[in-house]
Amino acid sequence: MKGTIPLRAKNFLGRGSVPNPPLVFGELINEKLKESGIAVEGKVLLQSYKSGDLKTLISINSKPLPELLTSCNYFSINLLADAFTKQVGYKMAGSFTYEAGIKETKNFWGNRGVNVSTLNMKDGSGLSPSGTITANVMCEILGEMKRSSFFETFTSTIPQLGISGTVARIGDGRNKNMYVKSGSIESARAYAGYFRTSEGKWMTFMIGVNRYDDEASREVNAFLREILIDLSKL
């Protein structure tokens, strides 16, 4: 395991994903049985069964979709973003895969007039270095969401500049008029979302810098944050 901790950070929280949830679940049950004095022999094994051979012991519903979206957007949980894309594929085409999810996502926005020819998705989270999107496409998608009946629900899942999520420490948050999703990977950083002008007009935006040297990281961050603060004052 390797990584970095921000300078002078207090109560720093690290996050990670579980690569094999069924196996971890089995091991936790195994430990609990032993703690309860129930003898267990052998190792935890994973085996596939046909649905007709299974018996449901308990069903646990997930949190409502808006809550999951809020967690995803506030804290950039890539596991959720990938799952959302695969779920789109499953819902629309019966296939819980990246390929199906990406195809259906592009069809959805293409049917609404978005030029998806420059939308090159490889997953749902944007972790793939070969995945690309233009600022124009992102703003077109955000514009379509502004005209959607779900706009209010959608913006409630996006952090506010200087107030919440990964952009809580940018600006002072006094204007409360800017909804921003951050995104970063090695040598790339971007921000996208909405801001509302003093006249009450909603604007979409995306700004980003790609392929910068590691030595320029601090300068790039300062540059992009300055733009965000300037936009929030319009």
C-alpha atoms as a PDB file:
ATOM      1  CA  MET A   1       0.000   0.000   0.000  1.00  0.00           C
ATOM      2  CA  LYS A   2       1.324   3.464  -0.838  1.00  0.00           C
ATOM      3  CA  GLY A   3       0.033   7.008  -1.054  1.00  0.00           C
ATOM      4  CA  THR A   4       0.330  10.495   0.372  1.00  0.00           C
ATOM      5  CA  ILE A   5      -1.228  12.420   3.246  1.00  0.00           C
ATOM      6  CA  PRO A   6      -1.931  16.163   2.882  1.00  0.00           C
ATOM      7  CA  LEU A   7       0.375  18.474   4.832  1.00  0.00           C
ATOM      8  CA  ARG A   8      -0.874  19.154   8.387  1.00  0.00           C
ATOM      9  CA  ALA A   9      -3.951  16.977   7.776  1.00  0.00           C
ATOM     10  CA  LYS A  10      -5.916  15.996  10.863  1.00  0.00           C
ATOM     11  CA  ASN A  11      -8.023  12.852  11.165  1.00  0.00           C
ATOM     12  CA  PHE A  12      -7.068  11.864   7.613  1.00  0.00           C
ATOM     13  CA  LEU A  13      -9.373   9.171   6.262  1.00  0.00           C
ATOM     14  CA  GLY A  14      -8.236   6.673   3.647  1.00  0.00           C
ATOM     15  CA  ARG A  15     -10.714   4.846   1.424  1.00  0.00           C
ATOM     16  CA  GLY A  16     -10.475   1.710  -0.671  1.00  0.00           C
ATOM     17  CA  SER A  17     -12.600  -0.822  -2.498  1.00  0.00           C
ATOM     18  CA  VAL A  18     -13.012  -4.543  -1.820  1.00  0.00           C
ATOM     19  CA  PRO A  19     -11.934  -6.541  -4.908  1.00  0.00           C
ATOM     20  CA  ASN A  20     -13.809  -9.707  -3.929  1.00  0.00           C
ATOM     21  CA  PRO A  21     -16.898  -8.920  -1.798  1.00  0.00           C
ATOM     22  CA  PRO A  22     -18.318 -12.504  -1.742  1.00  0.00           C
ATOM     23  CA  LEU A  23     -15.051 -13.912  -0.405  1.00  0.00           C
ATOM     24  CA  VAL A  24     -14.768 -11.219   2.266  1.00  0.00           C
ATOM     25  CA  PHE A  25     -18.395 -11.848   3.241  1.00  0.00           C
ATOM     26  CA  GLY A  26     -17.686 -15.569   3.609  1.00  0.00           C
ATOM     27  CA  GLU A  27     -14.601 -14.949   5.719  1.00  0.00           C
ATOM     28  CA  LEU A  28     -16.509 -12.586   8.024  1.00  0.00           C
ATOM     29  CA  ILE A  29     -19.213 -15.203   8.535  1.00  0.00           C
ATOM     30  CA  ASN A  30     -16.520 -17.783   9.228  1.00  0.00           C
ATOM     31  CA  GLU A  31     -14.958 -15.563  11.897  1.00  0.00           C
ATOM     32  CA  LYS A  32     -18.333 -14.822  13.487  1.00  0.00           C
ATOM     33  CA  LEU A  33     -19.193 -18.508  13.719  1.00  0.00           C
ATOM     34  CA  LYS A  34     -15.904 -19.249  15.466  1.00  0.00           C
ATOM     35  CA  GLU A  35     -16.415 -16.310  17.859  1.00  0.00           C
ATOM     36  CA  SER A  36     -19.825 -17.793  18.722  1.00  0.00           C
ATOM     37  CA  GLY A  37     -18.305 -21.192  19.541  1.00  0.00           C
ATOM     38  CA  ILE A  38     -19.508 -22.909  16.369  1.00  0.00           C
ATOM     39  CA  ALA A  39     -16.934 -25.280  14.914  1.00  0.00           C
ATOM     40  CA  VAL A  40     -15.984 -24.620  11.302  1.00  0.00           C
ATOM     41  CA  GLU A  41     -13.878 -26.912   9.129  1.00  0.00           C
ATOM     42  CA  GLY A  42     -12.119 -26.174   5.856  1.00  0.00           C
ATOM     43  CA  LYS A  43     -11.630 -22.917   4.003  1.00  0.00           C
ATOM     44  CA  VAL A  44     -14.060 -20.397   2.579  1.00  0.00           C
ATOM     45  CA  LEU A  45     -14.657 -21.250  -1.079  1.00  0.00           C
ATOM     46  CA  LEU A  46     -16.554 -19.496  -3.847  1.00  0.00           C
ATOM     47  CA  GLN A  47     -18.761 -21.590  -6.092  1.00  0.00           C
ATOM     48  CA  SER A  48     -21.293 -20.706  -8.761  1.00  0.00           C
ATOM     49  CA  TYR A  49     -24.863 -21.981  -8.522  1.00  0.00           C
ATOM     50  CA  LYS A  50     -27.865 -21.787 -10.740  1.00  0.00           C
ATOM     51  CA  SER A  51     -30.502 -19.391  -9.422  1.00  0.00           C
ATOM     52  CA  GLY A  52     -32.986 -22.249  -8.973  1.00  0.00           C
ATOM     53  CA  ASP A  53     -30.624 -23.965  -6.517  1.00  0.00           C
ATOM     54  CA  LEU A  54     -30.426 -20.981  -4.183  1.00  0.00           C
ATOM     55  CA  LYS A  55     -32.593 -20.133  -1.211  1.00  0.00           C
ATOM     56  CA  THR A  56     -32.954 -16.516  -0.119  1.00  0.00           C
ATOM     57  CA  LEU A  57     -32.064 -16.078   3.549  1.00  0.00           C
ATOM     58  CA  ILE A  58     -32.436 -12.315   3.760  1.00  0.00           C
ATOM     59  CA  SER A  59     -32.814  -9.362   1.395  1.00  0.00           C
ATOM     60  CA  ILE A  60     -31.253  -5.987   2.172  1.00  0.00           C
ATOM     61  CA  ASN A  61     -32.175  -2.996   0.034  1.00  0.00           C
ATOM     62  CA  SER A  62     -29.561  -0.444  -0.897  1.00  0.00           C
ATOM     63  CA  LYS A  63     -29.844   3.224  -0.060  1.00  0.00           C
ATOM     64  CA  PRO A  64     -32.069   5.267  -2.409  1.00  0.00           C
ATOM     65  CA  LEU A  65     -30.348   6.240  -5.671  1.00  0.00           C
ATOM     66  CA  PRO A  66     -30.053   9.974  -4.793  1.00  0.00           C
ATOM     67  CA  GLU A  67     -28.133   9.050  -1.632  1.00  0.00           C
ATOM     68  CA  LEU A  68     -25.774   6.790  -3.576  1.00  0.00           C
ATOM     69  CA  LEU A  69     -25.259   9.529  -6.172  1.00  0.00           C
ATOM     70  CA  THR A  70     -24.495  12.025  -3.418  1.00  0.00           C
ATOM     71  CA  SER A  71     -21.845   9.725  -1.918  1.00  0.00           C
ATOM     72  CA  CYS A  72     -20.374   9.151  -5.367  1.00  0.00           C
ATOM     73  CA  ASN A  73     -20.206  12.824  -6.324  1.00  0.00           C
ATOM     74  CA  TYR A  74     -19.186  14.194  -2.932  1.00  0.00           C
ATOM     75  CA  PHE A  75     -16.317  11.765  -2.376  1.00  0.00           C
ATOM     76  CA  SER A  76     -15.489  10.497  -5.903  1.00  0.00           C
ATOM     77  CA  ILE A  77     -16.237   6.858  -5.125  1.00  0.00           C
ATOM     78  CA  ASN A  78     -15.128   5.158  -8.324  1.00  0.00           C
ATOM     79  CA  LEU A  79     -16.675   1.831  -7.347  1.00  0.00           C
ATOM     80  CA  LEU A  80     -20.141   3.425  -7.349  1.00  0.00           C
ATOM     81  CA  ALA A  81     -19.568   5.262 -10.631  1.00  0.00           C
ATOM     82  CA  ASP A  82     -18.567   2.022 -12.338  1.00  0.00           C
ATOM     83  CA  ALA A  83     -21.557   0.196 -10.842  1.00  0.00           C
ATOM     84  CA  PHE A  84     -23.961   2.895 -12.086  1.00  0.00           C
ATOM     85  CA  THR A  85     -22.673   2.492 -15.634  1.00  0.00           C
ATOM     86  CA  LYS A  86     -22.968  -1.290 -15.529  1.00  0.00           C
ATOM     87  CA  GLN A  87     -26.464  -0.991 -14.054  1.00  0.00           C
ATOM     88  CA  VAL A  88     -27.508   1.147 -17.026  1.00  0.00           C
ATOM     89  CA  GLY A  89     -26.368  -1.680 -19.289  1.00  0.00           C
ATOM     90  CA  TYR A  90     -28.270  -4.227 -17.219  1.00  0.00           C
ATOM     91  CA  LYS A  91     -31.455  -2.144 -17.102  1.00  0.00           C
ATOM     92  CA  MET A  92     -31.486  -1.242 -20.787  1.00  0.00           C
ATOM     93  CA  ALA A  93     -29.838  -4.274 -22.403  1.00  0.00           C
ATOM     94  CA  GLY A  94     -29.804  -7.015 -19.766  1.00  0.00           C
ATOM     95  CA  SER A  95     -26.003  -7.014 -19.537  1.00  0.00           C
ATOM     96  CA  PHE A  96     -24.161  -5.884 -16.400  1.00  0.00           C
ATOM     97  CA  THR A  97     -20.982  -4.878 -18.264  1.00  0.00           C
ATOM     98  CA  TYR A  98     -19.015  -1.756 -19.114  1.00  0.00           C
ATOM     99  CA  GLU A  99     -19.587  -2.331 -22.813  1.00  0.00           C
ATOM    100  CA  ALA A 100     -23.375  -2.431 -22.512  1.00  0.00           C
ATOM    101  CA  GLY A 101     -23.484   0.463 -20.053  1.00  0.00           C
ATOM    102  CA  ILE A 102     -21.297   2.676 -22.221  1.00  0.00           C
ATOM    103  CA  LYS A 103     -23.306   1.882 -25.359  1.00  0.00           C
ATOM    104  CA  GLU A 104     -26.623   2.661 -23.677  1.00  0.00           C
ATOM    105  CA  THR A 105     -25.248   5.820 -22.065  1.00  0.00           C
ATOM    106  CA  LYS A 106     -24.045   7.153 -25.420  1.00  0.00           C
ATOM    107  CA  ASN A 107     -27.348   6.200 -27.045  1.00  0.00           C
ATOM    108  CA  PHE A 108     -29.254   8.041 -24.313  1.00  0.00           C
ATOM    109  CA  TRP A 109     -27.384  11.312 -24.743  1.00  0.00           C
ATOM    110  CA  GLY A 110     -27.106  10.966 -28.517  1.00  0.00           C
ATOM    111  CA  ASN A 111     -30.887  10.712 -28.779  1.00  0.00           C
ATOM    112  CA  ARG A 112     -31.081  14.014 -26.907  1.00  0.00           C
ATOM    113  CA  GLY A 113     -28.919  15.868 -29.377  1.00  0.00           C
ATOM    114  CA  VAL A 114     -25.558  15.575 -27.631  1.00  0.00           C
ATOM    115  CA  ASN A 115     -22.616  15.043 -30.007  1.00  0.00           C
ATOM    116  CA  VAL A 116     -21.275  11.848 -28.446  1.00  0.00           C
ATOM    117  CA  SER A 117     -18.686  11.263 -31.180  1.00  0.00           C
ATOM    118  CA  THR A 118     -16.079  12.871 -28.903  1.00  0.00           C
ATOM    119  CA  LEU A 119     -17.238  10.979 -25.805  1.00  0.00           C
ATOM    120  CA  ASN A 120     -14.771   8.114 -25.450  1.00  0.00           C
ATOM    121  CA  MET A 121     -15.814   6.181 -22.345  1.00  0.00           C
ATOM    122  CA  LYS A 122     -13.844   3.156 -21.161  1.00  0.00           C
ATOM    123  CA  ASP A 123     -15.520   2.727 -17.778  1.00  0.00           C
ATOM    124  CA  GLY A 124     -17.910   4.590 -15.497  1.00  0.00           C
ATOM    125  CA  SER A 125     -15.406   6.309 -13.231  1.00  0.00           C
ATOM    126  CA  GLY A 126     -12.907   7.814 -15.662  1.00  0.00           C
ATOM    127  CA  LEU A 127      -9.973   5.911 -14.192  1.00  0.00           C
ATOM    128  CA  SER A 128      -8.887   4.575 -17.577  1.00  0.00           C
ATOM    129  CA  PRO A 129      -6.134   6.816 -19.020  1.00  0.00           C
ATOM    130  CA  SER A 130      -7.517   6.219 -22.526  1.00  0.00           C
ATOM    131  CA  GLY A 131     -11.003   7.476 -21.660  1.00  0.00           C
ATOM    132  CA  THR A 132     -11.671  11.037 -22.845  1.00  0.00           C
ATOM    133  CA  ILE A 133     -14.425  13.648 -22.935  1.00  0.00           C
ATOM    134  CA  THR A 134     -14.438  17.173 -24.350  1.00  0.00           C
ATOM    135  CA  ALA A 135     -15.585  20.216 -22.421  1.00  0.00           C
ATOM    136  CA  ASN A 136     -18.216  20.808 -25.099  1.00  0.00           C
ATOM    137  CA  VAL A 137     -19.827  17.379 -24.608  1.00  0.00           C
ATOM    138  CA  MET A 138     -19.778  17.731 -20.833  1.00  0.00           C
ATOM    139  CA  CYS A 139     -21.474  21.134 -21.028  1.00  0.00           C
ATOM    140  CA  GLU A 140     -24.065  19.786 -23.466  1.00  0.00           C
ATOM    141  CA  ILE A 141     -24.906  16.965 -21.045  1.00  0.00           C
ATOM    142  CA  LEU A 142     -25.104  19.377 -18.114  1.00  0.00           C
ATOM    143  CA  GLY A 143     -27.324  21.646 -20.203  1.00  0.00           C
ATOM    144  CA  GLU A 144     -29.686  18.772 -20.935  1.00  0.00           C
ATOM    145  CA  MET A 145     -29.859  17.998 -17.215  1.00  0.00           C
ATOM    146  CA  LYS A 146     -30.707  21.653 -16.519  1.00  0.00           C
ATOM    147  CA  ARG A 147     -33.752  21.262 -18.785  1.00  0.00           C
ATOM    148  CA  SER A 148     -34.698  17.966 -17.116  1.00  0.00           C
ATOM    149  CA  SER A 149     -37.386  17.591 -14.471  1.00  0.00           C
ATOM    150  CA  PHE A 150     -34.684  15.919 -12.348  1.00  0.00           C
ATOM    151  CA  PHE A 151     -32.439  18.986 -12.246  1.00  0.00           C
ATOM    152  CA  GLU A 152     -33.152  19.875  -8.620  1.00  0.00           C
ATOM    153  CA  THR A 153     -32.523  16.303  -7.494  1.00  0.00           C
ATOM    154  CA  PHE A 154     -29.385  16.151  -9.623  1.00  0.00           C
ATOM    155  CA  THR A 155     -27.833  19.323  -8.191  1.00  0.00           C
ATOM    156  CA  SER A 156     -28.573  18.121  -4.665  1.00  0.00           C
ATOM    157  CA  THR A 157     -26.038  15.336  -5.286  1.00  0.00           C
ATOM    158  CA  ILE A 158     -23.258  17.730  -6.397  1.00  0.00           C
ATOM    159  CA  PRO A 159     -20.931  19.439  -3.870  1.00  0.00           C
ATOM    160  CA  GLN A 160     -21.133  23.205  -3.438  1.00  0.00           C
ATOM    161  CA  LEU A 161     -17.961  25.237  -3.794  1.00  0.00           C
ATOM    162  CA  GLY A 162     -16.488  26.167  -0.427  1.00  0.00           C
ATOM    163  CA  ILE A 163     -19.112  24.149   1.434  1.00  0.00           C
ATOM    164  CA  SER A 164     -19.087  20.403   0.813  1.00  0.00           C
ATOM    165  CA  GLY A 165     -17.421  17.397  -0.786  1.00  0.00           C
ATOM    166  CA  THR A 166     -14.038  17.547  -2.490  1.00  0.00           C
ATOM    167  CA  VAL A 167     -14.402  21.301  -3.150  1.00  0.00           C
ATOM    168  CA  ALA A 168     -15.238  22.292   0.437  1.00  0.00           C
ATOM    169  CA  ARG A 169     -11.876  24.054   0.903  1.00  0.00           C
ATOM    170  CA  ILE A 170     -12.017  26.141  -2.266  1.00  0.00           C
ATOM    171  CA  GLY A 171     -13.306  29.664  -1.670  1.00  0.00           C
ATOM    172  CA  ASP A 172     -15.317  30.830   1.311  1.00  0.00           C
ATOM    173  CA  GLY A 173     -18.686  29.380   0.302  1.00  0.00           C
ATOM    174  CA  ARG A 174     -20.509  32.655   0.884  1.00  0.00           C
ATOM    175  CA  ASN A 175     -22.169  32.774  -2.542  1.00  0.00           C
ATOM    176  CA  LYS A 176     -23.611  29.244  -2.415  1.00  0.00           C
ATOM    177  CA  ASN A 177     -24.219  29.507  -6.148  1.00  0.00           C
ATOM    178  CA  MET A 178     -21.768  26.967  -7.520  1.00  0.00           C
ATOM    179  CA  TYR A 179     -22.170  23.185  -7.837  1.00  0.00           C
ATOM    180  CA  VAL A 180     -18.912  21.474  -8.749  1.00  0.00           C
ATOM    181  CA  LYS A 181     -17.707  17.911  -9.331  1.00  0.00           C
ATOM    182  CA  SER A 182     -13.945  17.489  -9.254  1.00  0.00           C
ATOM    183  CA  GLY A 183     -11.997  14.844 -11.105  1.00  0.00           C
ATOM    184  CA  SER A 184      -8.341  13.926 -11.059  1.00  0.00           C
ATOM    185  CA  ILE A 185      -5.952  11.226 -12.149  1.00  0.00           C
ATOM    186  CA  GLU A 186      -2.219  11.249 -12.744  1.00  0.00           C
ATOM    187  CA  SER A 187      -1.270  14.346 -14.771  1.00  0.00           C
ATOM    188  CA  ALA A 188      -4.895  15.414 -15.244  1.00  0.00           C
ATOM    189  CA  ARG A 189      -7.348  17.494 -13.210  1.00  0.00           C
ATOM    190  CA  ALA A 190     -10.761  18.890 -14.085  1.00  0.00           C
ATOM    191  CA  TYR A 191     -13.857  20.524 -12.612  1.00  0.00           C
ATOM    192  CA  ALA A 192     -17.358  20.602 -14.079  1.00  0.00           C
ATOM    193  CA  GLY A 193     -20.800  21.721 -12.995  1.00  0.00           C
ATOM    194  CA  TYR A 194     -23.007  24.787 -12.735  1.00  0.00           C
ATOM    195  CA  PHE A 195     -22.871  28.299 -11.394  1.00  0.00           C
ATOM    196  CA  ARG A 196     -25.675  30.830 -11.098  1.00  0.00           C
ATOM    197  CA  THR A 197     -24.877  34.449 -11.944  1.00  0.00           C
ATOM    198  CA  SER A 198     -25.953  37.450  -9.874  1.00  0.00           C
ATOM    199  CA  GLU A 199     -28.801  37.896 -12.405  1.00  0.00           C
ATOM    200  CA  GLY A 200     -30.013  34.385 -11.613  1.00  0.00           C
ATOM    201  CA  LYS A 201     -28.921  32.798 -14.902  1.00  0.00           C
ATOM    202  CA  TRP A 202     -27.633  29.214 -14.752  1.00  0.00           C
ATOM    203  CA  MET A 203     -24.383  28.497 -16.606  1.00  0.00           C
ATOM    204  CA  THR A 204     -22.630  25.188 -17.294  1.00  0.00           C
ATOM    205  CA  PHE A 205     -18.861  24.843 -17.346  1.00  0.00           C
ATOM    206  CA  MET A 206     -15.945  22.435 -17.517  1.00  0.00           C
ATOM    207  CA  ILE A 207     -12.300  23.369 -17.033  1.00  0.00           C
ATOM    208  CA  GLY A 208      -9.334  21.033 -16.986  1.00  0.00           C
ATOM    209  CA  VAL A 209      -5.643  20.553 -17.584  1.00  0.00           C
ATOM    210  CA  ASN A 210      -4.182  17.385 -19.096  1.00  0.00           C
ATOM    211  CA  ARG A 211      -0.701  15.873 -19.333  1.00  0.00           C
ATOM    212  CA  TYR A 212       1.070  18.279 -16.985  1.00  0.00           C
ATOM    213  CA  ASP A 213       4.367  17.439 -15.285  1.00  0.00           C
ATOM    214  CA  ASP A 214       4.301  16.272 -11.676  1.00  0.00           C
ATOM    215  CA  GLU A 215       6.324  19.343 -10.706  1.00  0.00           C
ATOM    216  CA  ALA A 216       3.495  21.569 -11.976  1.00  0.00           C
ATOM    217  CA  SER A 217       0.777  19.946  -9.861  1.00  0.00           C
ATOM    218  CA  ARG A 218       0.650  22.698  -7.222  1.00  0.00           C
ATOM    219  CA  GLU A 219       0.596  25.414  -9.893  1.00  0.00           C
ATOM    220  CA  VAL A 220      -2.175  23.670 -11.861  1.00  0.00           C
ATOM    221  CA  ASN A 221      -4.306  23.268  -8.735  1.00  0.00           C
ATOM    222  CA  ALA A 222      -3.909  26.937  -7.831  1.00  0.00           C
ATOM    223  CA  PHE A 223      -4.724  28.000 -11.399  1.00  0.00           C
ATOM    224  CA  LEU A 224      -7.941  25.960 -11.602  1.00  0.00           C
ATOM    225  CA  ARG A 225      -9.086  26.963  -8.128  1.00  0.00           C
ATOM    226  CA  GLU A 226      -8.613  30.630  -8.992  1.00  0.00           C
ATOM    227  CA  ILE A 227     -10.886  30.178 -12.019  1.00  0.00           C
ATOM    228  CA  LEU A 228     -13.549  28.510  -9.879  1.00  0.00           C
ATOM    229  CA  ILE A 229     -13.482  31.346  -7.364  1.00  0.00           C
ATOM    230  CA  ASP A 230     -13.710  33.936 -10.156  1.00  0.00           C
ATOM    231  CA  LEU A 231     -16.716  32.150 -11.694  1.00  0.00           C
ATOM    232  CA  SER A 232     -18.475  32.051  -8.339  1.00  0.00           C
ATOM    233  CA  LYS A 233     -18.294  35.859  -8.180  1.00  0.00           C
ATOM    234  CA  LEU A 234     -20.044  36.501 -11.496  1.00  0.00           C
END
